[in-house]
């Protein structure tokens, strides 16, 4: 998937209006309880679309308190230790070459941690296929988030929290 690639109908899970910052954070918070070690979430969207805001809501909900969640724009990776898994928040905007992603240790994160990736297109062909894609587009009324994944586990888990087939 790229930012302008069409999403196959069988992969589309939900489309949600995000009218403000709180709604964008709230979507991240809704996802936190269903995460498991090995999950990969790719956040797609232009600069200023709300990827970091969504990530902040997810990390804060997963950590269980109102911790500060800085954007890893300059460090590329911020790791949060949780009881059941580590959560890797990656911002790959500054990644020069897709091969450089291995210097971060992502192959371990993809197996043992939850990986939350901003600018996943910077990984090129190294981005795993079994992931949840969240595309955030800016609209006149705020933002629109489209969630998609290959049919299977993500569809089931998102249905558990009321996001399967959601459209708003």
N, C-alpha and C. Protein backbone atom coordinates (compact mmCIF):
# COMPACT_ATOMS: atom_id res chain seq x y z
N UNK A 1 0.85 -1.19 0.00
CA UNK A 1 0.00 0.00 0.00
C UNK A 1 0.88 1.24 0.00
N UNK A 2 0.51 2.17 -0.82
CA UNK A 2 1.15 3.47 -0.78
C UNK A 2 0.07 4.49 -0.45
N UNK A 3 0.48 5.71 -0.22
CA UNK A 3 -0.50 6.72 0.17
C UNK A 3 -1.61 6.93 -0.85
N UNK A 4 -1.35 6.69 -2.12
CA UNK A 4 -2.39 6.93 -3.12
C UNK A 4 -2.90 5.64 -3.76
N UNK A 5 -2.59 4.50 -3.19
CA UNK A 5 -3.04 3.21 -3.71
C UNK A 5 -4.45 2.89 -3.20
N UNK A 6 -5.28 2.36 -4.09
CA UNK A 6 -6.64 1.98 -3.71
C UNK A 6 -6.60 0.76 -2.79
N UNK A 7 -7.53 0.71 -1.84
CA UNK A 7 -7.62 -0.39 -0.90
C UNK A 7 -8.61 -1.42 -1.45
N UNK A 8 -8.18 -2.68 -1.60
CA UNK A 8 -9.13 -3.70 -2.06
C UNK A 8 -10.32 -3.81 -1.10
N UNK A 9 -11.51 -4.02 -1.64
CA UNK A 9 -12.72 -4.09 -0.82
C UNK A 9 -12.62 -5.13 0.29
N UNK A 10 -12.02 -6.29 0.01
CA UNK A 10 -11.95 -7.35 1.03
C UNK A 10 -11.00 -6.98 2.18
N UNK A 11 -10.13 -6.03 1.96
CA UNK A 11 -9.20 -5.60 3.01
C UNK A 11 -9.77 -4.46 3.86
N UNK A 12 -10.70 -3.71 3.33
CA UNK A 12 -11.26 -2.54 4.02
C UNK A 12 -12.02 -3.01 5.26
N UNK A 13 -11.71 -2.42 6.40
CA UNK A 13 -12.36 -2.79 7.66
C UNK A 13 -13.31 -1.71 8.11
N UNK A 14 -12.86 -0.46 8.08
CA UNK A 14 -13.69 0.63 8.58
C UNK A 14 -13.20 1.94 8.00
N UNK A 15 -14.10 2.90 7.97
CA UNK A 15 -13.77 4.27 7.60
C UNK A 15 -14.43 5.17 8.64
N UNK A 16 -13.63 5.99 9.28
CA UNK A 16 -14.12 6.79 10.41
C UNK A 16 -13.80 8.26 10.24
N UNK A 17 -14.76 9.11 10.52
CA UNK A 17 -14.52 10.55 10.55
C UNK A 17 -13.82 10.88 11.86
N UNK A 18 -12.79 11.68 11.77
CA UNK A 18 -12.05 12.15 12.95
C UNK A 18 -12.12 13.67 12.93
N UNK A 19 -13.17 14.25 13.51
CA UNK A 19 -13.38 15.69 13.38
C UNK A 19 -12.39 16.56 14.13
N UNK A 20 -11.70 15.99 15.13
CA UNK A 20 -10.78 16.81 15.92
C UNK A 20 -9.66 15.95 16.49
N UNK A 21 -8.75 16.61 17.19
CA UNK A 21 -7.59 15.94 17.78
C UNK A 21 -8.03 14.85 18.77
N UNK A 22 -9.04 15.14 19.55
CA UNK A 22 -9.51 14.15 20.54
C UNK A 22 -10.04 12.89 19.87
N UNK A 23 -10.72 13.03 18.76
CA UNK A 23 -11.22 11.85 18.04
C UNK A 23 -10.06 11.04 17.47
N UNK A 24 -9.02 11.73 17.00
CA UNK A 24 -7.85 11.04 16.45
C UNK A 24 -7.12 10.29 17.56
N UNK A 25 -6.90 10.94 18.70
CA UNK A 25 -6.30 10.25 19.86
C UNK A 25 -7.18 9.10 20.31
N UNK A 26 -8.49 9.33 20.29
CA UNK A 26 -9.45 8.32 20.73
C UNK A 26 -9.39 7.05 19.90
N UNK A 27 -9.17 7.18 18.59
CA UNK A 27 -9.03 5.98 17.76
C UNK A 27 -7.82 5.17 18.21
N UNK A 28 -6.71 5.84 18.47
CA UNK A 28 -5.53 5.15 18.98
C UNK A 28 -5.82 4.44 20.30
N UNK A 29 -6.53 5.13 21.18
CA UNK A 29 -6.87 4.55 22.49
C UNK A 29 -7.77 3.32 22.35
N UNK A 30 -8.66 3.32 21.37
CA UNK A 30 -9.55 2.16 21.15
C UNK A 30 -8.76 0.94 20.71
N UNK A 31 -7.66 1.16 20.00
CA UNK A 31 -6.85 0.04 19.50
C UNK A 31 -5.97 -0.60 20.58
N UNK A 32 -5.56 0.19 21.55
CA UNK A 32 -4.59 -0.28 22.56
C UNK A 32 -4.98 -1.59 23.24
N UNK A 33 -6.22 -1.80 23.68
CA UNK A 33 -6.55 -3.03 24.41
C UNK A 33 -6.48 -4.31 23.58
N UNK A 34 -6.51 -4.21 22.26
CA UNK A 34 -6.52 -5.43 21.45
C UNK A 34 -5.15 -5.80 20.89
N UNK A 35 -4.13 -5.04 21.25
CA UNK A 35 -2.80 -5.29 20.70
C UNK A 35 -2.14 -6.51 21.33
N UNK A 36 -1.34 -7.18 20.49
CA UNK A 36 -0.60 -8.36 20.92
C UNK A 36 0.81 -8.30 20.37
N UNK A 37 1.71 -8.96 21.06
CA UNK A 37 3.08 -9.06 20.60
C UNK A 37 3.10 -9.55 19.15
N UNK A 38 3.89 -8.91 18.32
CA UNK A 38 3.98 -9.26 16.91
C UNK A 38 3.09 -8.44 16.00
N UNK A 39 2.21 -7.61 16.58
CA UNK A 39 1.34 -6.76 15.77
C UNK A 39 2.13 -5.65 15.10
N UNK A 40 1.71 -5.32 13.90
CA UNK A 40 2.32 -4.23 13.14
C UNK A 40 1.19 -3.32 12.66
N UNK A 41 1.32 -2.04 12.99
CA UNK A 41 0.35 -1.04 12.54
C UNK A 41 1.11 0.00 11.73
N UNK A 42 0.71 0.16 10.48
CA UNK A 42 1.34 1.13 9.59
C UNK A 42 0.42 2.34 9.46
N UNK A 43 0.96 3.51 9.79
CA UNK A 43 0.20 4.76 9.74
C UNK A 43 0.60 5.55 8.49
N UNK A 44 -0.37 5.73 7.60
CA UNK A 44 -0.15 6.39 6.32
C UNK A 44 -0.82 7.76 6.34
N UNK A 45 -0.22 8.73 5.68
CA UNK A 45 -0.83 10.04 5.55
C UNK A 45 0.23 11.10 5.32
N UNK A 46 -0.21 12.23 4.82
CA UNK A 46 0.68 13.34 4.55
C UNK A 46 1.18 13.97 5.85
N UNK A 47 2.14 14.87 5.73
CA UNK A 47 2.59 15.66 6.88
C UNK A 47 1.39 16.37 7.48
N UNK A 48 1.26 16.30 8.80
CA UNK A 48 0.18 16.98 9.48
C UNK A 48 -1.16 16.26 9.44
N UNK A 49 -1.18 15.05 8.92
CA UNK A 49 -2.45 14.31 8.81
C UNK A 49 -2.97 13.82 10.15
N UNK A 50 -2.09 13.63 11.13
CA UNK A 50 -2.54 13.16 12.44
C UNK A 50 -1.95 11.82 12.85
N UNK A 51 -0.94 11.35 12.14
CA UNK A 51 -0.31 10.06 12.48
C UNK A 51 0.27 10.08 13.89
N UNK A 52 1.00 11.11 14.23
CA UNK A 52 1.61 11.19 15.57
C UNK A 52 0.54 11.36 16.65
N UNK A 53 -0.53 12.05 16.34
CA UNK A 53 -1.63 12.22 17.30
C UNK A 53 -2.28 10.88 17.60
N UNK A 54 -2.55 10.10 16.56
CA UNK A 54 -3.13 8.77 16.75
C UNK A 54 -2.17 7.89 17.56
N UNK A 55 -0.88 7.93 17.20
CA UNK A 55 0.13 7.14 17.92
C UNK A 55 0.18 7.54 19.39
N UNK A 56 0.12 8.83 19.66
CA UNK A 56 0.15 9.33 21.03
C UNK A 56 -1.03 8.78 21.84
N UNK A 57 -2.22 8.77 21.26
CA UNK A 57 -3.39 8.23 21.94
C UNK A 57 -3.25 6.75 22.22
N UNK A 58 -2.69 6.01 21.28
CA UNK A 58 -2.49 4.57 21.46
C UNK A 58 -1.48 4.30 22.57
N UNK A 59 -0.34 4.97 22.51
CA UNK A 59 0.72 4.74 23.51
C UNK A 59 0.22 5.13 24.91
N UNK A 60 -0.43 6.26 25.02
CA UNK A 60 -0.92 6.69 26.34
C UNK A 60 -1.95 5.71 26.89
N UNK A 61 -2.83 5.20 26.06
CA UNK A 61 -3.81 4.21 26.52
C UNK A 61 -3.13 2.90 26.90
N UNK A 62 -2.15 2.48 26.14
CA UNK A 62 -1.44 1.23 26.42
C UNK A 62 -0.62 1.32 27.71
N UNK A 63 -0.05 2.49 27.97
CA UNK A 63 0.78 2.66 29.16
C UNK A 63 -0.06 2.85 30.42
N UNK A 64 -1.32 3.18 30.25
CA UNK A 64 -2.21 3.29 31.39
C UNK A 64 -2.11 4.59 32.17
N UNK A 65 -1.42 5.56 31.65
CA UNK A 65 -1.37 6.86 32.31
C UNK A 65 -1.09 7.94 31.29
N UNK A 66 -1.04 9.16 31.75
CA UNK A 66 -0.88 10.30 30.87
C UNK A 66 0.60 10.65 30.70
N UNK A 67 1.37 9.70 30.16
CA UNK A 67 2.80 9.94 29.97
C UNK A 67 3.00 10.84 28.75
N UNK A 68 4.14 11.50 28.70
CA UNK A 68 4.48 12.29 27.53
C UNK A 68 4.95 11.34 26.45
N UNK A 69 4.44 11.52 25.25
CA UNK A 69 4.78 10.66 24.12
C UNK A 69 5.38 11.54 23.02
N UNK A 70 6.70 11.68 23.03
CA UNK A 70 7.33 12.51 22.00
C UNK A 70 7.32 11.80 20.65
N UNK A 71 7.30 12.58 19.59
CA UNK A 71 7.42 12.00 18.26
C UNK A 71 8.86 11.55 18.06
N UNK A 72 9.06 10.34 17.55
CA UNK A 72 10.43 9.87 17.34
C UNK A 72 11.02 10.33 16.01
N UNK A 73 10.67 11.52 15.57
CA UNK A 73 11.15 12.03 14.28
C UNK A 73 12.67 12.03 14.19
N UNK A 74 13.34 12.43 15.26
CA UNK A 74 14.80 12.52 15.20
C UNK A 74 15.50 11.26 15.69
N UNK A 75 14.89 10.54 16.64
CA UNK A 75 15.49 9.31 17.15
C UNK A 75 15.10 8.10 16.31
N UNK A 76 14.10 8.23 15.48
CA UNK A 76 13.51 7.20 14.62
C UNK A 76 12.68 6.17 15.38
N UNK A 77 13.09 5.81 16.61
CA UNK A 77 12.35 4.81 17.38
C UNK A 77 12.25 5.24 18.83
N UNK A 78 11.08 5.09 19.40
CA UNK A 78 10.87 5.27 20.83
C UNK A 78 10.26 3.96 21.32
N UNK A 79 10.87 3.34 22.33
CA UNK A 79 10.40 2.04 22.83
C UNK A 79 9.77 2.22 24.20
N UNK A 80 8.57 1.66 24.36
CA UNK A 80 7.83 1.70 25.62
C UNK A 80 7.70 0.27 26.13
N UNK A 81 8.09 0.05 27.38
CA UNK A 81 8.01 -1.28 27.97
C UNK A 81 6.68 -1.45 28.68
N UNK A 82 5.94 -2.46 28.25
CA UNK A 82 4.65 -2.80 28.84
C UNK A 82 4.75 -4.19 29.45
N UNK A 83 3.84 -4.58 30.31
CA UNK A 83 3.93 -5.89 30.95
C UNK A 83 3.95 -7.07 29.97
N UNK A 84 3.16 -7.00 28.90
CA UNK A 84 3.05 -8.13 27.98
C UNK A 84 3.91 -8.03 26.73
N UNK A 85 4.39 -6.86 26.41
CA UNK A 85 5.19 -6.65 25.21
C UNK A 85 5.82 -5.26 25.27
N UNK A 86 6.80 -5.04 24.42
CA UNK A 86 7.34 -3.69 24.21
C UNK A 86 6.58 -3.10 23.03
N UNK A 87 6.38 -1.80 23.07
CA UNK A 87 5.73 -1.10 21.98
C UNK A 87 6.78 -0.21 21.32
N UNK A 88 7.04 -0.44 20.05
CA UNK A 88 8.00 0.34 19.29
C UNK A 88 7.24 1.37 18.45
N UNK A 89 7.43 2.64 18.75
CA UNK A 89 6.85 3.72 17.95
C UNK A 89 7.95 4.22 17.03
N UNK A 90 7.79 4.01 15.73
CA UNK A 90 8.82 4.37 14.75
C UNK A 90 8.31 5.49 13.85
N UNK A 91 9.15 6.45 13.60
CA UNK A 91 8.88 7.50 12.62
C UNK A 91 10.02 7.42 11.61
N UNK A 92 9.74 6.89 10.45
CA UNK A 92 10.79 6.62 9.46
C UNK A 92 10.95 7.72 8.41
N UNK A 93 10.37 8.88 8.68
CA UNK A 93 10.41 9.98 7.72
C UNK A 93 11.84 10.31 7.30
N UNK A 94 12.77 10.26 8.22
CA UNK A 94 14.15 10.64 7.93
C UNK A 94 15.02 9.46 7.47
N UNK A 95 14.43 8.31 7.27
CA UNK A 95 15.19 7.15 6.82
C UNK A 95 15.61 7.37 5.37
N UNK A 96 16.91 7.26 5.11
CA UNK A 96 17.42 7.52 3.77
C UNK A 96 17.27 6.34 2.82
N UNK A 97 17.43 5.14 3.35
CA UNK A 97 17.42 3.94 2.52
C UNK A 97 16.62 2.86 3.24
N UNK A 98 15.80 2.14 2.53
CA UNK A 98 14.96 1.10 3.14
C UNK A 98 15.80 0.07 3.90
N UNK A 99 16.99 -0.20 3.44
CA UNK A 99 17.87 -1.17 4.12
C UNK A 99 18.29 -0.68 5.50
N UNK A 100 18.28 0.63 5.71
CA UNK A 100 18.68 1.19 7.00
C UNK A 100 17.74 0.79 8.13
N UNK A 101 16.56 0.33 7.78
CA UNK A 101 15.59 -0.06 8.80
C UNK A 101 16.12 -1.23 9.65
N UNK A 102 16.98 -2.04 9.09
CA UNK A 102 17.50 -3.19 9.84
C UNK A 102 18.50 -2.77 10.92
N UNK A 103 19.09 -1.59 10.78
CA UNK A 103 19.97 -1.07 11.82
C UNK A 103 19.19 -0.71 13.08
N UNK A 104 17.89 -0.54 12.95
CA UNK A 104 17.03 -0.24 14.10
C UNK A 104 16.64 -1.49 14.87
N UNK A 105 16.81 -2.67 14.27
CA UNK A 105 16.42 -3.92 14.92
C UNK A 105 14.97 -4.29 14.71
N UNK A 106 14.36 -3.82 13.62
CA UNK A 106 12.94 -4.04 13.41
C UNK A 106 12.57 -5.51 13.26
N UNK A 107 13.48 -6.33 12.78
CA UNK A 107 13.13 -7.74 12.62
C UNK A 107 12.79 -8.37 13.97
N UNK A 108 13.44 -7.94 15.06
CA UNK A 108 13.08 -8.42 16.39
C UNK A 108 11.75 -7.83 16.84
N UNK A 109 11.55 -6.55 16.57
CA UNK A 109 10.30 -5.88 16.96
C UNK A 109 9.10 -6.55 16.29
N UNK A 110 9.25 -6.95 15.03
CA UNK A 110 8.14 -7.55 14.30
C UNK A 110 7.71 -8.88 14.91
N UNK A 111 8.59 -9.52 15.66
CA UNK A 111 8.27 -10.81 16.28
C UNK A 111 7.86 -10.64 17.74
N UNK A 112 8.58 -9.81 18.48
CA UNK A 112 8.44 -9.75 19.93
C UNK A 112 7.69 -8.54 20.48
N UNK A 113 7.44 -7.55 19.65
CA UNK A 113 6.87 -6.29 20.13
C UNK A 113 5.65 -5.91 19.31
N UNK A 114 5.04 -4.81 19.66
CA UNK A 114 4.04 -4.16 18.82
C UNK A 114 4.78 -3.04 18.10
N UNK A 115 4.63 -3.00 16.79
CA UNK A 115 5.31 -1.99 15.98
C UNK A 115 4.29 -1.01 15.42
N UNK A 116 4.46 0.23 15.77
CA UNK A 116 3.60 1.32 15.32
C UNK A 116 4.47 2.20 14.43
N UNK A 117 4.20 2.21 13.12
CA UNK A 117 5.14 2.78 12.15
C UNK A 117 4.53 3.96 11.41
N UNK A 118 5.12 5.13 11.59
CA UNK A 118 4.78 6.29 10.78
C UNK A 118 5.72 6.31 9.58
N UNK A 119 5.22 6.69 8.44
CA UNK A 119 5.96 6.71 7.17
C UNK A 119 6.45 5.30 6.80
N UNK A 120 5.54 4.31 6.80
CA UNK A 120 5.94 2.94 6.50
C UNK A 120 6.45 2.76 5.07
N UNK A 121 6.10 3.67 4.17
CA UNK A 121 6.58 3.56 2.80
C UNK A 121 8.10 3.62 2.72
N UNK A 122 8.75 4.19 3.73
CA UNK A 122 10.22 4.29 3.75
C UNK A 122 10.88 2.92 3.92
N UNK A 123 10.08 1.90 4.28
CA UNK A 123 10.62 0.55 4.43
C UNK A 123 10.66 -0.20 3.10
N UNK A 124 10.04 0.37 2.08
CA UNK A 124 10.01 -0.31 0.78
C UNK A 124 9.42 -1.71 0.92
N UNK A 125 10.05 -2.67 0.31
CA UNK A 125 9.59 -4.06 0.32
C UNK A 125 9.80 -4.78 1.63
N UNK A 126 10.38 -4.11 2.64
CA UNK A 126 10.62 -4.75 3.93
C UNK A 126 9.44 -4.63 4.89
N UNK A 127 8.40 -3.91 4.49
CA UNK A 127 7.22 -3.77 5.33
C UNK A 127 6.41 -5.07 5.26
N UNK A 128 6.20 -5.74 6.40
CA UNK A 128 5.46 -7.00 6.39
C UNK A 128 4.04 -6.83 5.84
N UNK A 129 3.55 -7.87 5.20
CA UNK A 129 2.21 -7.83 4.60
C UNK A 129 1.11 -7.99 5.63
N UNK A 130 1.35 -8.77 6.67
CA UNK A 130 0.31 -9.02 7.68
C UNK A 130 0.37 -7.92 8.74
N UNK A 131 -0.37 -6.85 8.45
CA UNK A 131 -0.35 -5.67 9.30
C UNK A 131 -1.71 -4.99 9.20
N UNK A 132 -1.92 -4.07 10.10
CA UNK A 132 -3.08 -3.18 10.04
C UNK A 132 -2.61 -1.86 9.44
N UNK A 133 -3.23 -1.45 8.36
CA UNK A 133 -2.94 -0.16 7.75
C UNK A 133 -4.00 0.84 8.18
N UNK A 134 -3.55 2.00 8.60
CA UNK A 134 -4.46 3.10 8.91
C UNK A 134 -4.03 4.29 8.07
N UNK A 135 -4.88 4.63 7.13
CA UNK A 135 -4.61 5.79 6.28
C UNK A 135 -5.42 6.96 6.83
N UNK A 136 -4.75 8.08 7.08
CA UNK A 136 -5.42 9.28 7.58
C UNK A 136 -5.34 10.35 6.50
N UNK A 137 -6.51 10.81 6.08
CA UNK A 137 -6.58 11.86 5.07
C UNK A 137 -7.22 13.09 5.68
N UNK A 138 -6.70 14.26 5.34
CA UNK A 138 -7.29 15.51 5.79
C UNK A 138 -8.49 15.83 4.90
N UNK A 139 -9.57 16.26 5.54
CA UNK A 139 -10.80 16.61 4.82
C UNK A 139 -11.24 18.00 5.28
N UNK A 140 -12.26 18.52 4.66
CA UNK A 140 -12.80 19.83 5.07
C UNK A 140 -13.31 19.79 6.50
N UNK A 141 -13.82 18.64 6.94
CA UNK A 141 -14.39 18.51 8.28
C UNK A 141 -13.43 17.92 9.30
N UNK A 142 -12.15 17.87 9.00
CA UNK A 142 -11.17 17.31 9.93
C UNK A 142 -10.31 16.27 9.25
N UNK A 143 -10.49 15.01 9.65
CA UNK A 143 -9.72 13.92 9.07
C UNK A 143 -10.62 12.71 8.86
N UNK A 144 -10.18 11.83 7.98
CA UNK A 144 -10.87 10.57 7.72
C UNK A 144 -9.84 9.46 7.86
N UNK A 145 -10.13 8.47 8.70
CA UNK A 145 -9.24 7.33 8.87
C UNK A 145 -9.85 6.11 8.20
N UNK A 146 -9.05 5.43 7.40
CA UNK A 146 -9.48 4.19 6.75
C UNK A 146 -8.59 3.07 7.27
N UNK A 147 -9.21 2.05 7.87
CA UNK A 147 -8.50 0.91 8.42
C UNK A 147 -8.64 -0.25 7.46
N UNK A 148 -7.51 -0.92 7.17
CA UNK A 148 -7.55 -2.06 6.27
C UNK A 148 -6.46 -3.06 6.66
N UNK A 149 -6.73 -4.32 6.30
CA UNK A 149 -5.80 -5.42 6.55
C UNK A 149 -6.25 -6.61 5.74
N UNK A 150 -5.35 -7.54 5.45
CA UNK A 150 -5.80 -8.76 4.78
C UNK A 150 -6.86 -9.45 5.64
N UNK A 151 -7.85 -10.11 5.01
CA UNK A 151 -8.88 -10.80 5.81
C UNK A 151 -8.25 -11.73 6.83
N UNK A 152 -8.80 -11.74 8.03
CA UNK A 152 -8.27 -12.61 9.08
C UNK A 152 -8.31 -11.97 10.44
N UNK A 153 -7.21 -12.10 11.16
CA UNK A 153 -7.12 -11.74 12.57
C UNK A 153 -7.49 -10.29 12.87
N UNK A 154 -6.97 -9.34 12.10
CA UNK A 154 -7.29 -7.93 12.37
C UNK A 154 -8.78 -7.67 12.24
N UNK A 155 -9.40 -8.27 11.25
CA UNK A 155 -10.84 -8.08 11.06
C UNK A 155 -11.60 -8.57 12.29
N UNK A 156 -11.21 -9.71 12.82
CA UNK A 156 -11.88 -10.27 14.01
C UNK A 156 -11.69 -9.37 15.23
N UNK A 157 -10.46 -8.96 15.48
CA UNK A 157 -10.19 -8.14 16.66
C UNK A 157 -10.85 -6.77 16.59
N UNK A 158 -10.87 -6.17 15.42
CA UNK A 158 -11.51 -4.87 15.28
C UNK A 158 -13.02 -4.98 15.39
N UNK A 159 -13.59 -6.12 14.99
CA UNK A 159 -15.02 -6.35 15.19
C UNK A 159 -15.33 -6.40 16.69
N UNK A 160 -14.42 -6.96 17.49
CA UNK A 160 -14.62 -7.05 18.95
C UNK A 160 -14.76 -5.68 19.59
N UNK A 161 -14.15 -4.66 19.01
CA UNK A 161 -14.25 -3.32 19.59
C UNK A 161 -15.16 -2.41 18.76
N UNK A 162 -15.97 -3.04 17.91
CA UNK A 162 -16.96 -2.28 17.15
C UNK A 162 -16.45 -1.52 15.95
N UNK A 163 -15.30 -1.89 15.43
CA UNK A 163 -14.77 -1.17 14.29
C UNK A 163 -14.92 -1.90 12.96
N UNK A 164 -15.31 -3.16 12.96
CA UNK A 164 -15.52 -3.90 11.72
C UNK A 164 -16.72 -3.32 10.99
N UNK A 165 -16.51 -2.86 9.78
CA UNK A 165 -17.61 -2.33 8.99
C UNK A 165 -18.07 -0.94 9.39
N UNK A 166 -17.40 -0.33 10.37
CA UNK A 166 -17.80 1.01 10.81
C UNK A 166 -17.59 1.99 9.66
N UNK A 167 -18.50 2.90 9.54
CA UNK A 167 -18.39 3.93 8.52
C UNK A 167 -19.05 5.19 9.08
N UNK A 168 -18.28 6.24 9.12
CA UNK A 168 -18.83 7.50 9.63
C UNK A 168 -18.14 8.66 8.96
